[in-house]
């Protein structure tokens, strides 16, 4: 757990927030949601782990 929030609660909350943001920006043409590629996500995760070793997955 991170900050006393169970992982399932955090995942559910983030999913709902992403859905709300996507729906809100759906018809706003200047907006665009893009996610990093899987390989870039791995690199970002390595950077986070280097700074916060306790966040490393078990």
C-alpha atoms as a PDB file:
ATOM      1  CA  UNK A   1       0.000   0.000   0.000  1.00  0.00           C
ATOM      2  CA  UNK A   2       1.081   3.510  -0.754  1.00  0.00           C
ATOM      3  CA  UNK A   3      -0.183   6.286   1.506  1.00  0.00           C
ATOM      4  CA  UNK A   4      -2.610   3.855   3.154  1.00  0.00           C
ATOM      5  CA  UNK A   5      -4.613   3.439  -0.056  1.00  0.00           C
ATOM      6  CA  UNK A   6      -5.233  -0.156  -1.119  1.00  0.00           C
ATOM      7  CA  UNK A   7      -3.973  -0.835  -4.663  1.00  0.00           C
ATOM      8  CA  UNK A   8      -7.435  -1.870  -5.857  1.00  0.00           C
ATOM      9  CA  UNK A   9      -8.947   1.418  -4.657  1.00  0.00           C
ATOM     10  CA  UNK A  10      -6.168   3.435  -6.262  1.00  0.00           C
ATOM     11  CA  UNK A  11      -6.517   1.553  -9.563  1.00  0.00           C
ATOM     12  CA  UNK A  12     -10.298   2.002  -9.597  1.00  0.00           C
ATOM     13  CA  UNK A  13     -10.021   5.715  -8.793  1.00  0.00           C
ATOM     14  CA  UNK A  14      -7.391   6.305 -11.476  1.00  0.00           C
ATOM     15  CA  UNK A  15      -9.456   4.390 -14.057  1.00  0.00           C
ATOM     16  CA  UNK A  16     -12.539   6.493 -13.283  1.00  0.00           C
ATOM     17  CA  UNK A  17     -10.505   9.703 -13.446  1.00  0.00           C
ATOM     18  CA  UNK A  18      -9.061   8.702 -16.827  1.00  0.00           C
ATOM     19  CA  UNK A  19     -12.545   7.910 -18.134  1.00  0.00           C
ATOM     20  CA  UNK A  20     -13.920  11.242 -16.880  1.00  0.00           C
ATOM     21  CA  UNK A  21     -11.033  13.178 -18.417  1.00  0.00           C
ATOM     22  CA  UNK A  22     -11.362  11.340 -21.706  1.00  0.00           C
ATOM     23  CA  UNK A  23     -15.112  11.991 -21.854  1.00  0.00           C
ATOM     24  CA  UNK A  24     -14.658  15.661 -20.945  1.00  0.00           C
ATOM     25  CA  UNK A  25     -12.017  16.278 -23.600  1.00  0.00           C
ATOM     26  CA  UNK A  26     -13.648  14.084 -26.253  1.00  0.00           C
ATOM     27  CA  UNK A  27     -15.173  16.953 -28.230  1.00  0.00           C
ATOM     28  CA  UNK A  28     -12.474  19.530 -27.516  1.00  0.00           C
ATOM     29  CA  UNK A  29     -10.314  19.362 -30.625  1.00  0.00           C
ATOM     30  CA  UNK A  30      -7.136  21.013 -29.235  1.00  0.00           C
ATOM     31  CA  UNK A  31      -6.909  18.309 -26.588  1.00  0.00           C
ATOM     32  CA  UNK A  32      -5.309  14.957 -27.142  1.00  0.00           C
ATOM     33  CA  UNK A  33      -4.542  12.230 -24.653  1.00  0.00           C
ATOM     34  CA  UNK A  34      -1.521  10.136 -25.453  1.00  0.00           C
ATOM     35  CA  UNK A  35       0.184   7.498 -23.391  1.00  0.00           C
ATOM     36  CA  UNK A  36       3.859   6.605 -23.508  1.00  0.00           C
ATOM     37  CA  UNK A  37       4.757   3.497 -25.463  1.00  0.00           C
ATOM     38  CA  UNK A  38       5.361   0.316 -23.447  1.00  0.00           C
ATOM     39  CA  UNK A  39       9.125   0.682 -23.857  1.00  0.00           C
ATOM     40  CA  UNK A  40       9.001   4.311 -22.707  1.00  0.00           C
ATOM     41  CA  UNK A  41       6.860   3.246 -19.717  1.00  0.00           C
ATOM     42  CA  UNK A  42       9.603   0.786 -18.745  1.00  0.00           C
ATOM     43  CA  UNK A  43      12.208   3.554 -18.909  1.00  0.00           C
ATOM     44  CA  UNK A  44      10.018   5.870 -16.825  1.00  0.00           C
ATOM     45  CA  UNK A  45       9.468   3.109 -14.263  1.00  0.00           C
ATOM     46  CA  UNK A  46      13.238   2.633 -13.972  1.00  0.00           C
ATOM     47  CA  UNK A  47      13.668   6.349 -13.282  1.00  0.00           C
ATOM     48  CA  UNK A  48      11.000   6.242 -10.569  1.00  0.00           C
ATOM     49  CA  UNK A  49      12.523   3.112  -9.004  1.00  0.00           C
ATOM     50  CA  UNK A  50      15.933   4.799  -8.909  1.00  0.00           C
ATOM     51  CA  UNK A  51      14.472   7.701  -6.943  1.00  0.00           C
ATOM     52  CA  UNK A  52      12.008   5.698  -4.859  1.00  0.00           C
ATOM     53  CA  UNK A  53      13.297   2.124  -4.354  1.00  0.00           C
ATOM     54  CA  UNK A  54      10.398   1.248  -2.039  1.00  0.00           C
ATOM     55  CA  UNK A  55       8.012   1.566  -5.001  1.00  0.00           C
ATOM     56  CA  UNK A  56       9.730  -1.282  -6.845  1.00  0.00           C
ATOM     57  CA  UNK A  57       7.238  -4.111  -7.586  1.00  0.00           C
ATOM     58  CA  UNK A  58       7.687  -7.304  -5.606  1.00  0.00           C
END
